[in-house]
Structure formats: structure tokens, C-alpha cells
Amino acid sequence: MKCEAKTRSGHPCKNDGTSWANGRCKYHGGASTGPVTPEGKKRVSMNSRRQTPCGPHKT
């Protein structure tokens, strides 16, 4: 199985993704385990809330 990520040019990555649990190669986040501590999980949760658009936006 190949890595499920896409390159900057839009083509699929050609690296092997079977070594990692999330199906991506080590260059596209396959080796990442994500946040482990409660503080890290809270920080990631707060970052995603900040980036989520809510309500009308002025241009």
C-alpha cells in the first residue's frame, strides 16, 4: 500500500505507507503519534477551535 498523502503537485506520494498505523509514510505524518499528555490534547483542541470559521466573515 502506498502513502495516502498527496504531494505539493497534487500527485499521490510514492512512498510505502504500510509501516505506519495511519497509512502515511514518515514524511507525511506516519511516524506522528499525536498529543499524548492531557495538556497537549487540550492545546490541539483549542487550536482547531480557533481555526474553525463560525458566523459571517468580513472580507
Protein backbone atom coordinates (compact mmCIF):
# COMPACT_ATOMS: atom_id res chain seq x y z
CA MET A 1 0.00 0.00 0.00
CA LYS A 2 1.31 3.43 -0.90
CA CYS A 3 1.23 6.52 1.29
CA GLU A 4 -2.23 8.14 1.18
CA ALA A 5 -0.86 11.71 1.15
CA LYS A 6 -0.64 13.94 -1.89
CA THR A 7 2.45 15.86 -2.88
CA ARG A 8 2.51 19.61 -3.47
CA SER A 9 1.99 18.95 -7.17
CA GLY A 10 -1.22 17.06 -6.37
CA HIS A 11 0.08 13.60 -7.23
CA PRO A 12 -0.06 10.74 -4.71
CA CYS A 13 3.07 10.10 -2.67
CA LYS A 14 5.03 7.08 -3.93
CA ASN A 15 6.50 6.06 -0.57
CA ASP A 16 5.40 2.94 1.27
CA GLY A 17 2.77 3.64 3.94
CA THR A 18 2.27 0.13 5.31
CA SER A 19 4.80 0.58 8.13
CA TRP A 20 2.62 3.11 9.93
CA ALA A 21 -0.82 2.82 11.53
CA ASN A 22 -2.37 5.81 9.77
CA GLY A 23 -1.40 4.73 6.25
CA ARG A 24 1.07 7.54 5.61
CA CYS A 25 4.83 7.49 5.18
CA LYS A 26 7.16 9.03 7.75
CA TYR A 27 7.47 12.19 5.66
CA HIS A 28 3.70 12.83 5.70
CA GLY A 29 2.96 12.25 9.39
CA GLY A 30 3.05 8.46 9.59
CA ALA A 31 5.51 8.49 12.48
CA SER A 32 3.48 11.06 14.41
CA THR A 33 1.57 9.69 17.38
CA GLY A 34 -0.27 12.92 18.10
CA PRO A 35 -0.61 14.53 21.51
CA VAL A 36 -0.22 12.17 24.47
CA THR A 37 -0.49 14.35 27.57
CA PRO A 38 -3.75 15.98 28.66
CA GLU A 39 -2.12 19.41 28.18
CA GLY A 40 -1.13 18.54 24.60
CA LYS A 41 -4.61 17.25 23.79
CA LYS A 42 -6.17 20.42 25.18
CA ARG A 43 -3.77 22.60 23.14
CA VAL A 44 -4.66 20.78 19.91
CA SER A 45 -8.36 21.06 20.72
CA MET A 46 -8.09 24.81 21.29
CA ASN A 47 -6.10 25.30 18.04
CA SER A 48 -8.74 23.55 15.97
CA ARG A 49 -11.46 25.70 17.54
CA ARG A 50 -9.57 28.87 16.62
CA GLN A 51 -9.23 27.81 13.00
CA THR A 52 -12.86 26.73 12.57
CA PRO A 53 -14.88 29.54 11.00
CA CYS A 54 -18.08 30.43 12.78
CA GLY A 55 -20.50 33.08 11.70
CA PRO A 56 -20.31 35.60 8.87
CA HIS A 57 -16.87 36.83 7.89
CA LYS A 58 -15.98 40.28 6.67
CA THR A 59 -13.91 40.44 3.50
